[in-house]
Amino acid sequence: MSRIAIFATVVLWVTGALAKPGHETRESGFLHQGPIFIKNIRIIDGRGNAPLEGYDIAIVDGKIEQIGRHGSVQARLDAYVISGEGRTVLPGLIDGHSHLTVNPSGATYKPLEIGRVLKANLYAGVTTICDLGSELVIATDLRDAINDGHLLGPTIHTVGDIFEEPSERDDFLNAPALSRMADYINLLDLHQERGVDRIKAYVMIPLIRMQQLATEAHKRDMRLVVDVGAWIGTTAYVRAGIDGWAHVAFTHPLSDEEVEEAKKQGIWAIGTNAIVRQLFRRTNRILTEGVTVLDSPLVANLYGEDELTAMRAPEYTTAIIDGFVEAGHHGYGKAFFENSEETWPENGIANTKRLIEAGTLVGLGTDPLFPGMFHGEAMHYEMEVWTRGQVPNLAVIQSATYNNAVILQIENQVGSIQKNLTADLLIVEGNPADQITDTRNIVAVIKGGKVIDRTALEYR
């Protein structure tokens, strides 16, 4: 058995969440796997529309069968009933920029850590993730294990290995070094064989090579998302044939020309404003920001007390931060971090708001490669950062659900609350349309029409 196969097998074992098709017990990771009836609830549909008050939803065979005003929808006798009074249902969250197999120290996650990544996302109501850079075989094996029902976790879409030039390498993502176009094509074909429908290119790939890569990817019906550091948002790359940005530009305010060109070319972007805030201000949510993130139930319930104590130690975060900057995180280079400006986080959120207002497709992601950015919980923090930047709550939720589904080309399956779509849903106390932090008040997570047993995902 290969190293990768052994790795994937161990992940299946350590998660403790091996699904058992047709076996309805708490051991499967689900509280209920049959019909569901949600009664008298507020609906935020994910498409930016005003909330609907007092509605019923019937879920059958994993899909939304009926939606109607309270009392107009017939519940099945065997349905699992969820009361919606004082509560809101919204689409399951979609993380548009995640990393499955890399931890904040730059090493490949151990199987136990990957198991926790999967659990943490579901626990926080993240039902789909777009992995924008992990080891190809591990990421696609995890994707397939979840799709086949052998492993409990969010639906995974992955770009696999990152495409990058030899000069960029610091082994941060264990990506293969490419030097000739033939190398790029071979790697493209390998990704296509593994069922990958989009790839990611990195900072120092020359513009002409980026154009060639876009052409070859499109020949294979694959999309190209790029991260080019200070050049994110620039018209030269937009015109190179790329499909989207892995981040919203943050090193400079976008010009009118850049905004118009992105809209004209149909370029989408993933806003990752929380990580920009953490990284380029060299701050950390574990050590700053008042109440530590480690006290959040979305984090604390997934770690042992010894682990939480270790993470509270100043040396835990400072060592990782210093190492991250010293390594230069790929082709960004050490100087990029050392010369970063205080305005960069403000640029990022202002550009996000501007792109949304211009009608550009903007998704929301976490890029959880930094201390304090915990899988699952980071989605809620990212949404909060956006609202602090004056992005309207419903627009934030739309970016975290429907927009990401459109970017992933799965909007006919998930990402909004509509009849006949797959029932990936998040139910919370309160009303996130008024108070975005209410997304943290999780009552239930429904994945594929099955109610997740969140207690079974907690550390024990």
Protein backbone atom coordinates (compact mmCIF):
# COMPACT_ATOMS: atom_id res chain seq x y z
CA MET A 1 0.00 0.00 0.00
CA SER A 2 1.36 3.44 -0.94
CA ARG A 3 2.12 6.19 1.59
CA ILE A 4 -0.86 8.16 0.29
CA ALA A 5 -3.20 5.18 0.55
CA ILE A 6 -2.03 4.47 4.10
CA PHE A 7 -2.51 8.15 4.96
CA ALA A 8 -6.07 8.18 3.64
CA THR A 9 -6.92 4.93 5.44
CA VAL A 10 -5.66 6.32 8.74
CA VAL A 11 -7.74 9.47 8.23
CA LEU A 12 -10.83 7.29 7.83
CA TRP A 13 -9.98 5.53 11.09
CA VAL A 14 -9.08 8.49 13.27
CA THR A 15 -12.12 10.58 12.38
CA GLY A 16 -14.38 8.11 14.10
CA ALA A 17 -16.99 9.15 11.57
CA LEU A 18 -17.24 6.26 9.18
CA ALA A 19 -20.73 6.46 7.74
CA LYS A 20 -22.75 3.26 7.65
CA PRO A 21 -25.26 3.41 4.78
CA GLY A 22 -28.71 2.28 5.85
CA HIS A 23 -27.66 1.95 9.48
CA GLU A 24 -29.54 4.59 11.44
CA THR A 25 -27.68 4.94 14.73
CA ARG A 26 -25.80 7.78 16.41
CA GLU A 27 -22.59 5.95 15.41
CA SER A 28 -23.14 7.00 11.79
CA GLY A 29 -22.67 10.65 12.71
CA PHE A 30 -26.32 11.50 12.10
CA LEU A 31 -29.21 12.15 14.46
CA HIS A 32 -31.71 11.39 11.71
CA GLN A 33 -31.54 10.17 8.12
CA GLY A 34 -35.19 10.19 7.06
CA PRO A 35 -37.75 12.89 6.22
CA ILE A 36 -37.36 16.23 8.02
CA PHE A 37 -39.96 18.88 8.73
CA ILE A 38 -38.87 22.38 9.74
CA LYS A 39 -41.83 24.37 10.97
CA ASN A 40 -42.51 28.08 11.39
CA ILE A 41 -38.99 29.31 10.69
CA ARG A 42 -37.40 32.38 9.17
CA ILE A 43 -35.73 31.70 5.81
CA ILE A 44 -32.64 33.47 4.48
CA ASP A 45 -32.43 31.97 1.01
CA GLY A 46 -28.79 32.84 0.28
CA ARG A 47 -29.54 34.90 -2.81
CA GLY A 48 -29.67 38.27 -1.11
CA ASN A 49 -33.45 38.41 -0.78
CA ALA A 50 -35.17 39.72 2.34
CA PRO A 51 -35.86 37.02 4.95
CA LEU A 52 -39.17 35.18 4.79
CA GLU A 53 -40.95 34.96 8.14
CA GLY A 54 -42.98 31.99 9.32
CA TYR A 55 -42.35 29.27 6.74
CA ASP A 56 -42.34 25.48 6.74
CA ILE A 57 -39.88 23.28 4.85
CA ALA A 58 -40.30 19.59 4.05
CA ILE A 59 -37.18 17.57 3.24
CA VAL A 60 -37.51 14.13 1.64
CA ASP A 61 -34.82 11.87 0.17
CA GLY A 62 -32.14 14.45 0.83
CA LYS A 63 -33.82 17.25 -1.08
CA ILE A 64 -36.07 20.20 -0.31
CA GLU A 65 -39.49 18.88 -1.37
CA GLN A 66 -41.74 21.75 -0.30
CA ILE A 67 -41.48 25.32 1.00
CA GLY A 68 -44.57 27.22 2.10
CA ARG A 69 -46.12 29.48 4.67
CA HIS A 70 -46.56 27.97 8.11
CA GLY A 71 -49.47 25.54 8.06
CA SER A 72 -49.53 25.09 4.29
CA VAL A 73 -47.00 22.25 4.09
CA GLN A 74 -47.98 18.73 5.10
CA ALA A 75 -45.48 16.96 7.35
CA ARG A 76 -44.90 13.23 6.93
CA LEU A 77 -45.83 11.12 9.94
CA ASP A 78 -42.27 9.79 10.23
CA ALA A 79 -40.59 13.18 9.81
CA TYR A 80 -38.00 14.49 12.24
CA VAL A 81 -39.51 17.81 13.36
CA ILE A 82 -37.43 20.91 14.05
CA SER A 83 -39.20 23.88 15.59
CA GLY A 84 -38.27 27.16 13.93
CA GLU A 85 -39.71 29.69 16.36
CA GLY A 86 -37.15 32.44 16.95
CA ARG A 87 -34.79 30.70 14.55
CA THR A 88 -33.44 31.14 11.04
CA VAL A 89 -32.54 28.61 8.38
CA LEU A 90 -29.95 29.51 5.79
CA PRO A 91 -27.99 27.47 3.24
CA GLY A 92 -25.09 25.45 4.56
CA LEU A 93 -21.97 27.61 4.47
CA ILE A 94 -19.46 27.12 1.65
CA ASP A 95 -15.82 27.98 2.33
CA GLY A 96 -14.51 29.28 -0.99
CA HIS A 97 -10.82 29.19 0.01
CA SER A 98 -9.70 26.40 2.30
CA HIS A 99 -6.70 24.07 2.61
CA LEU A 100 -7.25 20.48 3.68
CA THR A 101 -3.77 19.13 4.21
CA VAL A 102 -1.60 22.04 5.36
CA ASN A 103 -1.45 23.37 8.91
CA PRO A 104 -0.37 26.86 10.06
CA SER A 105 3.22 25.75 10.69
CA GLY A 106 3.58 24.84 7.02
CA ALA A 107 3.76 21.09 7.52
CA THR A 108 1.38 18.55 6.05
CA TYR A 109 -1.41 17.80 8.50
CA LYS A 110 -1.26 14.50 10.28
CA PRO A 111 -4.27 12.22 9.76
CA LEU A 112 -5.72 13.15 13.16
CA GLU A 113 -5.56 16.83 12.22
CA ILE A 114 -7.28 16.26 8.87
CA GLY A 115 -10.00 14.35 10.68
CA ARG A 116 -10.49 17.32 12.95
CA VAL A 117 -10.58 19.69 9.95
CA LEU A 118 -13.50 17.72 8.51
CA LYS A 119 -15.31 17.62 11.83
CA ALA A 120 -14.70 21.30 12.57
CA ASN A 121 -16.22 22.41 9.29
CA LEU A 122 -19.39 20.37 9.73
CA TYR A 123 -19.65 21.36 13.39
CA ALA A 124 -19.66 25.03 12.34
CA GLY A 125 -22.23 24.55 9.59
CA VAL A 126 -19.77 24.49 6.68
CA THR A 127 -21.21 21.83 4.40
CA THR A 128 -18.99 22.42 1.34
CA ILE A 129 -15.39 23.55 0.98
CA CYS A 130 -13.25 24.54 -1.97
CA ASP A 131 -9.73 23.38 -1.19
CA LEU A 132 -7.36 25.78 -2.99
CA GLY A 133 -4.16 23.84 -2.54
CA SER A 134 -3.40 20.45 -1.00
CA GLU A 135 -1.64 17.25 -1.98
CA LEU A 136 -3.59 16.03 -5.00
CA VAL A 137 -4.02 12.36 -4.16
CA ILE A 138 -4.87 12.90 -0.50
CA ALA A 139 -7.39 15.65 -1.26
CA THR A 140 -9.14 13.71 -4.03
CA ASP A 141 -9.19 10.51 -1.96
CA LEU A 142 -10.86 12.40 0.88
CA ARG A 143 -13.31 13.94 -1.59
CA ASP A 144 -14.23 10.54 -2.98
CA ALA A 145 -14.53 8.89 0.45
CA ILE A 146 -17.04 11.56 1.51
CA ASN A 147 -18.95 11.41 -1.78
CA ASP A 148 -19.17 7.61 -1.54
CA GLY A 149 -20.51 7.75 2.02
CA HIS A 150 -17.48 6.13 3.66
CA LEU A 151 -16.46 9.26 5.55
CA LEU A 152 -18.42 12.04 7.21
CA GLY A 153 -17.37 15.53 6.20
CA PRO A 154 -18.20 18.53 4.06
CA THR A 155 -18.43 18.08 0.31
CA ILE A 156 -14.95 18.76 -1.07
CA HIS A 157 -13.99 20.50 -4.29
CA THR A 158 -10.22 20.67 -4.70
CA VAL A 159 -7.63 22.15 -7.04
CA GLY A 160 -5.11 19.57 -5.86
CA ASP A 161 -1.46 20.56 -6.22
CA ILE A 162 -0.68 24.22 -6.82
CA PHE A 163 1.01 25.07 -10.11
CA GLU A 164 4.17 27.06 -9.41
CA GLU A 165 7.65 27.84 -10.69
CA PRO A 166 10.83 26.40 -9.07
CA SER A 167 11.83 29.85 -7.78
CA GLU A 168 8.75 29.94 -5.58
CA ARG A 169 9.39 26.79 -3.67
CA ASP A 170 9.66 26.74 0.08
CA ASP A 171 7.83 23.40 0.39
CA PHE A 172 4.95 25.14 2.11
CA LEU A 173 2.32 23.22 0.16
CA ASN A 174 4.51 20.34 -1.04
CA ALA A 175 3.65 21.30 -4.61
CA PRO A 176 5.64 19.93 -7.57
CA ALA A 177 8.14 22.34 -9.14
CA LEU A 178 7.45 23.10 -12.80
CA SER A 179 9.94 24.53 -15.28
CA ARG A 180 8.79 23.59 -18.81
CA MET A 181 5.36 23.88 -20.39
CA ALA A 182 5.44 20.12 -20.81
CA ASP A 183 5.60 19.83 -17.01
CA TYR A 184 2.51 22.00 -16.71
CA ILE A 185 0.62 19.92 -19.27
CA ASN A 186 1.57 16.65 -17.58
CA LEU A 187 0.36 17.98 -14.24
CA LEU A 188 -2.84 19.27 -15.86
CA ASP A 189 -3.54 15.83 -17.29
CA LEU A 190 -2.87 14.20 -13.92
CA HIS A 191 -5.35 16.54 -12.26
CA GLN A 192 -7.95 15.84 -14.93
CA GLU A 193 -7.51 12.10 -14.39
CA ARG A 194 -8.20 12.64 -10.69
CA GLY A 195 -11.47 14.42 -11.46
CA VAL A 196 -10.29 17.95 -10.70
CA ASP A 197 -12.21 20.64 -12.59
CA ARG A 198 -10.14 23.70 -11.60
CA ILE A 199 -6.50 24.42 -10.90
CA LYS A 200 -4.60 27.11 -9.03
CA ALA A 201 -1.51 28.95 -10.25
CA TYR A 202 0.82 30.87 -7.99
CA VAL A 203 2.75 34.09 -7.71
CA MET A 204 5.86 33.93 -9.87
CA ILE A 205 4.55 32.18 -12.97
CA PRO A 206 5.38 34.52 -15.88
CA LEU A 207 2.41 36.19 -17.51
CA ILE A 208 2.99 34.47 -20.87
CA ARG A 209 3.08 31.08 -19.10
CA MET A 210 -0.12 32.00 -17.26
CA GLN A 211 -1.80 32.66 -20.61
CA GLN A 212 -0.64 29.29 -21.93
CA LEU A 213 -1.82 27.55 -18.79
CA ALA A 214 -5.25 29.18 -19.05
CA THR A 215 -5.56 28.03 -22.67
CA GLU A 216 -4.59 24.45 -21.83
CA ALA A 217 -6.89 24.35 -18.81
CA HIS A 218 -9.85 25.59 -20.84
CA LYS A 219 -9.18 22.95 -23.51
CA ARG A 220 -9.82 20.41 -20.75
CA ASP A 221 -12.92 22.25 -19.49
CA MET A 222 -11.01 23.21 -16.34
CA ARG A 223 -10.99 26.61 -14.66
CA LEU A 224 -7.93 28.58 -13.60
CA VAL A 225 -7.84 30.46 -10.30
CA VAL A 226 -4.71 32.45 -9.49
CA ASP A 227 -2.93 34.08 -6.57
CA VAL A 228 -0.36 36.58 -7.82
CA GLY A 229 0.25 38.65 -4.71
CA ALA A 230 0.55 42.37 -5.39
CA TRP A 231 -0.70 41.81 -8.95
CA ILE A 232 -4.09 40.49 -7.84
CA GLY A 233 -6.79 42.48 -9.60
CA THR A 234 -4.54 43.90 -12.30
CA THR A 235 -5.91 44.04 -15.84
CA ALA A 236 -2.90 42.27 -17.36
CA TYR A 237 -3.77 39.04 -15.54
CA VAL A 238 -7.50 39.49 -16.11
CA ARG A 239 -6.80 39.63 -19.85
CA ALA A 240 -4.56 36.56 -19.62
CA GLY A 241 -7.63 34.34 -19.62
CA ILE A 242 -7.87 33.47 -15.92
CA ASP A 243 -11.25 32.63 -14.41
CA GLY A 244 -10.90 33.93 -10.88
CA TRP A 245 -8.78 35.34 -8.08
CA ALA A 246 -7.99 33.29 -4.96
CA HIS A 247 -8.16 36.57 -3.00
CA VAL A 248 -9.59 40.04 -3.42
CA ALA A 249 -6.81 42.57 -4.11
CA PHE A 250 -5.48 44.10 -0.91
CA THR A 251 -2.13 45.77 -1.68
CA HIS A 252 -3.82 48.63 -3.53
CA PRO A 253 -7.28 50.15 -3.97
CA LEU A 254 -8.76 48.79 -7.20
CA SER A 255 -8.97 51.34 -9.99
CA ASP A 256 -12.11 51.98 -12.03
CA GLU A 257 -10.42 50.24 -14.96
CA GLU A 258 -9.60 47.14 -12.91
CA VAL A 259 -13.14 46.85 -11.57
CA GLU A 260 -14.69 47.33 -15.01
CA GLU A 261 -12.30 44.88 -16.67
CA ALA A 262 -13.00 42.19 -14.07
CA LYS A 263 -16.73 42.62 -14.59
CA LYS A 264 -16.37 42.66 -18.38
CA GLN A 265 -14.32 39.45 -18.40
CA GLY A 266 -16.57 37.71 -15.86
CA ILE A 267 -13.75 37.27 -13.35
CA TRP A 268 -14.78 36.21 -9.85
CA ALA A 269 -12.83 36.70 -6.63
CA ILE A 270 -12.76 35.11 -3.19
CA GLY A 271 -12.64 37.59 -0.31
CA THR A 272 -10.32 36.43 2.49
CA ASN A 273 -10.21 39.58 4.56
CA ALA A 274 -9.72 38.01 7.99
CA ILE A 275 -6.45 36.30 7.03
CA VAL A 276 -5.18 39.54 5.47
CA ARG A 277 -6.02 41.30 8.72
CA GLN A 278 -4.20 38.69 10.78
CA LEU A 279 -1.20 38.21 8.54
CA PHE A 280 -0.16 41.67 7.49
CA ARG A 281 -0.77 43.29 10.83
CA ARG A 282 1.19 40.48 12.43
CA THR A 283 -1.55 40.08 15.02
CA ASN A 284 -3.24 36.98 16.24
CA ARG A 285 -6.70 36.17 17.51
CA ILE A 286 -5.28 33.90 20.20
CA LEU A 287 -3.22 36.69 21.78
CA THR A 288 -5.21 39.82 20.95
CA GLU A 289 -8.82 40.86 20.34
CA GLY A 290 -10.07 40.52 23.92
CA VAL A 291 -11.86 37.22 24.51
CA THR A 292 -9.68 34.62 22.86
CA VAL A 293 -11.04 32.61 19.96
CA LEU A 294 -10.05 29.52 21.92
CA ASP A 295 -13.05 30.16 24.17
CA SER A 296 -15.49 29.93 21.27
CA PRO A 297 -17.50 26.68 21.42
CA LEU A 298 -16.75 26.24 17.70
CA VAL A 299 -13.09 25.80 18.71
CA ALA A 300 -13.06 24.78 22.37
CA ASN A 301 -15.42 21.84 21.84
CA LEU A 302 -13.06 20.29 19.29
CA TYR A 303 -9.81 20.30 21.28
CA GLY A 304 -8.57 18.77 24.51
CA GLU A 305 -7.64 21.02 27.43
CA ASP A 306 -3.93 20.25 27.02
CA GLU A 307 -4.07 21.38 23.41
CA LEU A 308 -5.92 24.57 24.28
CA THR A 309 -3.40 25.36 27.02
CA ALA A 310 -0.50 24.86 24.62
CA MET A 311 -2.07 27.16 22.04
CA ARG A 312 -2.52 29.89 24.64
CA ALA A 313 1.24 30.08 25.19
CA PRO A 314 2.76 33.13 23.41
CA GLU A 315 5.57 31.06 21.93
CA TYR A 316 3.05 28.91 20.04
CA THR A 317 1.87 31.75 17.87
CA THR A 318 5.00 33.87 17.65
CA ALA A 319 7.11 30.94 16.46
CA ILE A 320 4.66 30.10 13.70
CA ILE A 321 4.18 33.72 12.66
CA ASP A 322 7.92 34.38 12.54
CA GLY A 323 8.53 31.19 10.60
CA PHE A 324 5.73 31.99 8.18
CA VAL A 325 7.19 35.40 7.41
CA GLU A 326 10.80 34.17 7.32
CA ALA A 327 9.88 31.53 4.74
CA GLY A 328 8.24 34.21 2.61
CA HIS A 329 5.25 31.92 2.01
CA HIS A 330 6.17 30.81 -1.50
CA GLY A 331 6.91 33.42 -4.11
CA TYR A 332 5.52 36.29 -2.07
CA GLY A 333 8.98 36.63 -0.54
CA LYS A 334 10.08 37.76 2.91
CA ALA A 335 10.25 41.42 1.85
CA PHE A 336 6.59 41.31 0.86
CA PHE A 337 5.66 40.70 4.49
CA GLU A 338 8.26 42.98 6.03
CA ASN A 339 7.21 45.88 3.80
CA SER A 340 3.49 45.35 4.18
CA GLU A 341 1.43 48.44 4.89
CA GLU A 342 -1.15 49.13 7.59
CA THR A 343 -3.68 50.01 4.89
CA TRP A 344 -3.71 46.56 3.31
CA PRO A 345 -6.54 45.10 5.44
CA GLU A 346 -8.66 48.20 4.80
CA ASN A 347 -7.88 47.97 1.08
CA GLY A 348 -9.07 44.37 1.04
CA ILE A 349 -12.45 44.97 2.61
CA ALA A 350 -13.01 48.20 0.65
CA ASN A 351 -12.22 46.38 -2.60
CA THR A 352 -14.56 43.56 -1.60
CA LYS A 353 -17.41 45.98 -1.02
CA ARG A 354 -16.68 47.82 -4.25
CA LEU A 355 -16.63 44.66 -6.36
CA ILE A 356 -19.94 43.53 -4.88
CA GLU A 357 -21.53 46.90 -5.55
CA ALA A 358 -20.23 46.78 -9.14
CA GLY A 359 -21.99 43.46 -9.71
CA THR A 360 -18.84 41.31 -9.78
CA LEU A 361 -19.19 37.76 -8.45
CA VAL A 362 -17.48 37.66 -5.05
CA GLY A 363 -17.25 34.57 -2.87
CA LEU A 364 -16.11 34.29 0.73
CA GLY A 365 -13.29 32.13 2.08
CA THR A 366 -10.97 31.70 5.04
CA ASP A 367 -7.53 30.56 3.80
CA PRO A 368 -6.92 29.05 7.27
CA LEU A 369 -3.12 28.98 7.18
CA PHE A 370 -2.43 31.18 10.17
CA PRO A 371 -2.68 30.79 13.96
CA GLY A 372 -6.12 31.76 15.18
CA MET A 373 -7.82 30.90 11.89
CA PHE A 374 -9.57 27.68 12.81
CA HIS A 375 -11.43 25.63 10.23
CA GLY A 376 -15.17 26.11 10.53
CA GLU A 377 -15.09 28.92 13.08
CA ALA A 378 -13.09 31.07 10.66
CA MET A 379 -16.08 31.24 8.30
CA HIS A 380 -18.11 33.01 10.97
CA TYR A 381 -15.21 35.33 11.77
CA GLU A 382 -14.73 36.14 8.08
CA MET A 383 -18.39 37.10 7.79
CA GLU A 384 -18.06 39.33 10.84
CA VAL A 385 -15.00 41.08 9.38
CA TRP A 386 -16.97 41.84 6.22
CA THR A 387 -19.85 43.39 8.14
CA ARG A 388 -17.39 45.56 10.09
CA GLY A 389 -16.33 46.82 6.68
CA GLN A 390 -19.92 47.85 5.94
CA VAL A 391 -20.80 44.97 3.62
CA PRO A 392 -24.53 44.32 4.24
CA ASN A 393 -25.33 41.16 6.18
CA LEU A 394 -27.41 39.58 3.43
CA ALA A 395 -24.67 40.26 0.87
CA VAL A 396 -22.15 38.61 3.20
CA ILE A 397 -24.35 35.53 3.57
CA GLN A 398 -24.87 35.43 -0.20
CA SER A 399 -21.09 35.43 -0.75
CA ALA A 400 -20.70 32.61 1.81
CA THR A 401 -23.39 30.47 0.18
CA TYR A 402 -24.91 31.09 -3.24
CA ASN A 403 -22.00 33.02 -4.78
CA ASN A 404 -19.55 30.31 -3.82
CA ALA A 405 -21.90 27.72 -5.30
CA VAL A 406 -21.95 29.67 -8.58
CA ILE A 407 -18.15 29.86 -8.57
CA LEU A 408 -18.01 26.09 -8.05
CA GLN A 409 -20.74 25.58 -10.68
CA ILE A 410 -22.98 23.73 -8.23
CA GLU A 411 -25.71 26.36 -7.77
CA ASN A 412 -28.26 23.90 -9.18
CA GLN A 413 -27.44 21.56 -6.29
CA VAL A 414 -26.71 23.66 -3.19
CA GLY A 415 -26.02 27.21 -2.05
CA SER A 416 -29.58 28.49 -1.71
CA ILE A 417 -32.91 27.41 -0.29
CA GLN A 418 -35.09 26.38 -3.20
CA LYS A 419 -37.40 23.51 -3.99
CA ASN A 420 -35.62 20.40 -5.36
CA LEU A 421 -32.13 21.46 -4.24
CA THR A 422 -30.07 19.26 -1.94
CA ALA A 423 -30.85 20.02 1.69
CA ASP A 424 -27.54 21.38 2.96
CA LEU A 425 -28.83 23.74 5.65
CA LEU A 426 -27.78 25.62 8.78
CA ILE A 427 -30.35 26.42 11.49
CA VAL A 428 -29.47 29.06 14.09
CA GLU A 429 -31.07 30.93 16.95
CA GLY A 430 -31.75 34.57 16.11
CA ASN A 431 -31.62 36.45 12.84
CA PRO A 432 -28.27 36.82 11.01
CA ALA A 433 -29.86 39.38 8.70
CA ASP A 434 -29.86 41.72 11.70
CA GLN A 435 -26.89 40.36 13.67
CA ILE A 436 -24.29 38.40 11.72
CA THR A 437 -22.87 36.81 14.88
CA ASP A 438 -26.12 34.86 15.18
CA THR A 439 -24.68 32.42 12.62
CA ARG A 440 -22.67 31.05 15.56
CA ASN A 441 -25.82 30.12 17.52
CA ILE A 442 -26.13 26.77 15.82
CA VAL A 443 -29.20 24.65 16.47
CA ALA A 444 -28.77 22.09 13.68
CA VAL A 445 -26.64 21.30 10.66
CA ILE A 446 -28.30 19.35 7.85
CA LYS A 447 -26.05 17.75 5.24
CA GLY A 448 -27.61 16.04 2.25
CA GLY A 449 -30.95 15.90 4.04
CA LYS A 450 -29.47 14.24 7.14
CA VAL A 451 -29.26 15.87 10.56
CA ILE A 452 -25.66 15.91 11.76
CA ASP A 453 -24.99 14.68 15.29
CA ARG A 454 -22.82 17.64 16.31
CA THR A 455 -22.21 16.24 19.80
CA ALA A 456 -20.52 13.21 18.25
CA LEU A 457 -18.06 15.54 16.50
CA GLU A 458 -16.83 17.08 19.76
CA TYR A 459 -13.54 16.21 21.42
CA ARG A 460 -13.79 13.32 23.85
